[in-house]
C-alpha atoms as a PDB file:
ATOM      1  CA  MET A   1     -34.008  31.620   8.337  1.00  0.00           C
ATOM      2  CA  HIS A   2     -31.069  30.872   6.096  1.00  0.00           C
ATOM      3  CA  ALA A   3     -29.169  27.630   6.462  1.00  0.00           C
ATOM      4  CA  ARG A   4     -26.055  27.878   8.567  1.00  0.00           C
ATOM      5  CA  ARG A   5     -23.150  26.680   6.448  1.00  0.00           C
ATOM      6  CA  LEU A   6     -20.023  25.131   7.873  1.00  0.00           C
ATOM      7  CA  ILE A   7     -16.974  24.545   5.720  1.00  0.00           C
ATOM      8  CA  LEU A   8     -14.780  21.531   6.362  1.00  0.00           C
ATOM      9  CA  TYR A   9     -11.378  21.761   4.689  1.00  0.00           C
ATOM     10  CA  VAL A  10      -9.979  18.300   4.003  1.00  0.00           C
ATOM     11  CA  ARG A  11      -7.624  16.378   1.783  1.00  0.00           C
ATOM     12  CA  SER A  12      -7.986  12.983   0.197  1.00  0.00           C
ATOM     13  CA  GLY A  13      -6.704  10.052   2.234  1.00  0.00           C
ATOM     14  CA  CYS A  14      -6.824  11.974   5.531  1.00  0.00           C
ATOM     15  CA  SER A  15      -8.276   9.760   8.262  1.00  0.00           C
ATOM     16  CA  LEU A  16      -8.685  12.698  10.656  1.00  0.00           C
ATOM     17  CA  CYS A  17     -10.709  14.450   7.940  1.00  0.00           C
ATOM     18  CA  GLU A  18     -12.979  11.437   7.579  1.00  0.00           C
ATOM     19  CA  ASP A  19     -13.384  11.229  11.359  1.00  0.00           C
ATOM     20  CA  MET A  20     -14.383  14.890  11.659  1.00  0.00           C
ATOM     21  CA  ARG A  21     -16.857  14.575   8.785  1.00  0.00           C
ATOM     22  CA  ASP A  22     -18.429  11.543  10.478  1.00  0.00           C
ATOM     23  CA  ASP A  23     -18.487  13.271  13.883  1.00  0.00           C
ATOM     24  CA  LEU A  24     -20.173  16.353  12.392  1.00  0.00           C
ATOM     25  CA  ALA A  25     -22.937  14.144  10.997  1.00  0.00           C
ATOM     26  CA  LEU A  26     -23.898  13.315  14.591  1.00  0.00           C
ATOM     27  CA  PHE A  27     -24.655  17.006  15.254  1.00  0.00           C
ATOM     28  CA  ARG A  28     -26.326  17.963  11.964  1.00  0.00           C
ATOM     29  CA  ASP A  29     -29.938  17.379  13.044  1.00  0.00           C
ATOM     30  CA  GLU A  30     -29.483  18.876  16.507  1.00  0.00           C
ATOM     31  CA  LEU A  31     -27.646  22.023  15.433  1.00  0.00           C
ATOM     32  CA  ARG A  32     -29.256  22.382  11.994  1.00  0.00           C
ATOM     33  CA  PHE A  33     -26.412  23.253   9.651  1.00  0.00           C
ATOM     34  CA  GLU A  34     -25.292  22.505   6.128  1.00  0.00           C
ATOM     35  CA  LEU A  35     -21.776  21.198   5.537  1.00  0.00           C
ATOM     36  CA  ASP A  36     -19.601  22.064   2.563  1.00  0.00           C
ATOM     37  CA  ILE A  37     -16.552  19.844   2.166  1.00  0.00           C
ATOM     38  CA  VAL A  38     -13.624  21.442   0.355  1.00  0.00           C
ATOM     39  CA  ASP A  39     -10.538  19.498  -0.776  1.00  0.00           C
ATOM     40  CA  ILE A  40      -7.600  21.852  -0.177  1.00  0.00           C
ATOM     41  CA  ASP A  41      -5.459  20.065  -2.769  1.00  0.00           C
ATOM     42  CA  ARG A  42      -7.707  21.442  -5.546  1.00  0.00           C
ATOM     43  CA  ASP A  43      -6.746  25.037  -4.731  1.00  0.00           C
ATOM     44  CA  PRO A  44      -3.106  26.125  -4.260  1.00  0.00           C
ATOM     45  CA  ALA A  45      -4.105  29.024  -1.971  1.00  0.00           C
ATOM     46  CA  LEU A  46      -6.100  26.730   0.330  1.00  0.00           C
ATOM     47  CA  ARG A  47      -3.304  24.156   0.306  1.00  0.00           C
ATOM     48  CA  ALA A  48      -0.821  26.862   1.320  1.00  0.00           C
ATOM     49  CA  LYS A  49      -3.148  28.175   4.039  1.00  0.00           C
ATOM     50  CA  HIS A  50      -4.161  24.863   5.655  1.00  0.00           C
ATOM     51  CA  ASP A  51      -1.631  22.267   4.409  1.00  0.00           C
ATOM     52  CA  VAL A  52      -0.861  19.948   7.367  1.00  0.00           C
ATOM     53  CA  ARG A  53      -3.528  21.470   9.653  1.00  0.00           C
ATOM     54  CA  VAL A  54      -6.463  19.607   8.063  1.00  0.00           C
ATOM     55  CA  PRO A  55      -9.147  19.002   8.853  1.00  0.00           C
ATOM     56  CA  VAL A  56     -10.135  22.593   9.555  1.00  0.00           C
ATOM     57  CA  LEU A  57     -13.736  23.498  10.362  1.00  0.00           C
ATOM     58  CA  GLU A  58     -14.895  27.053   9.690  1.00  0.00           C
ATOM     59  CA  TYR A  59     -18.128  28.927  10.283  1.00  0.00           C
ATOM     60  CA  ALA A  60     -18.776  32.514   9.186  1.00  0.00           C
ATOM     61  CA  ASN A  61     -15.151  32.890   8.047  1.00  0.00           C
ATOM     62  CA  ARG A  62     -13.837  31.935  11.487  1.00  0.00           C
ATOM     63  CA  GLU A  63     -12.018  28.765  12.450  1.00  0.00           C
ATOM     64  CA  VAL A  64     -14.022  26.618  14.853  1.00  0.00           C
ATOM     65  CA  CYS A  65     -11.513  23.798  15.338  1.00  0.00           C
ATOM     66  CA  ASN A  66      -8.941  21.691  13.549  1.00  0.00           C
ATOM     67  CA  TYR A  67      -7.650  18.110  13.696  1.00  0.00           C
ATOM     68  CA  PHE A  68     -10.533  16.928  15.930  1.00  0.00           C
ATOM     69  CA  LEU A  69     -14.116  18.084  16.311  1.00  0.00           C
ATOM     70  CA  ASP A  70     -14.594  20.238  19.398  1.00  0.00           C
ATOM     71  CA  PRO A  71     -18.333  20.011  20.214  1.00  0.00           C
ATOM     72  CA  VAL A  72     -18.138  22.878  22.720  1.00  0.00           C
ATOM     73  CA  ALA A  73     -16.510  25.181  20.147  1.00  0.00           C
ATOM     74  CA  LEU A  74     -19.029  24.079  17.509  1.00  0.00           C
ATOM     75  CA  ARG A  75     -22.017  24.843  19.725  1.00  0.00           C
ATOM     76  CA  SER A  76     -20.472  28.149  20.791  1.00  0.00           C
ATOM     77  CA  ALA A  77     -19.812  29.244  17.206  1.00  0.00           C
ATOM     78  CA  LEU A  78     -23.350  28.450  16.101  1.00  0.00           C
ATOM     79  CA  ALA A  79     -24.905  30.026  19.203  1.00  0.00           C
ATOM     80  CA  ALA A  80     -23.024  33.294  18.618  1.00  0.00           C
ATOM     81  CA  GLU A  81     -25.043  33.943  15.466  1.00  0.00           C
END
């Protein structure tokens, strides 16, 4: 089984981004996923797409949630695999 990869789009100095990263760590062992953290300010296209909506959590090219971690949406997204 391949590792399920989530992408968390963030920007430096964003406290909501730090909170979501920390909250996701609580679910990593239970839901068995890998987390890639991407700073949107390093890519103009990502900055234009997400800008003030960070943090944005994606799985399988679909948005799971933004601003705050939604555990129900996270479990649902991973269960739909």
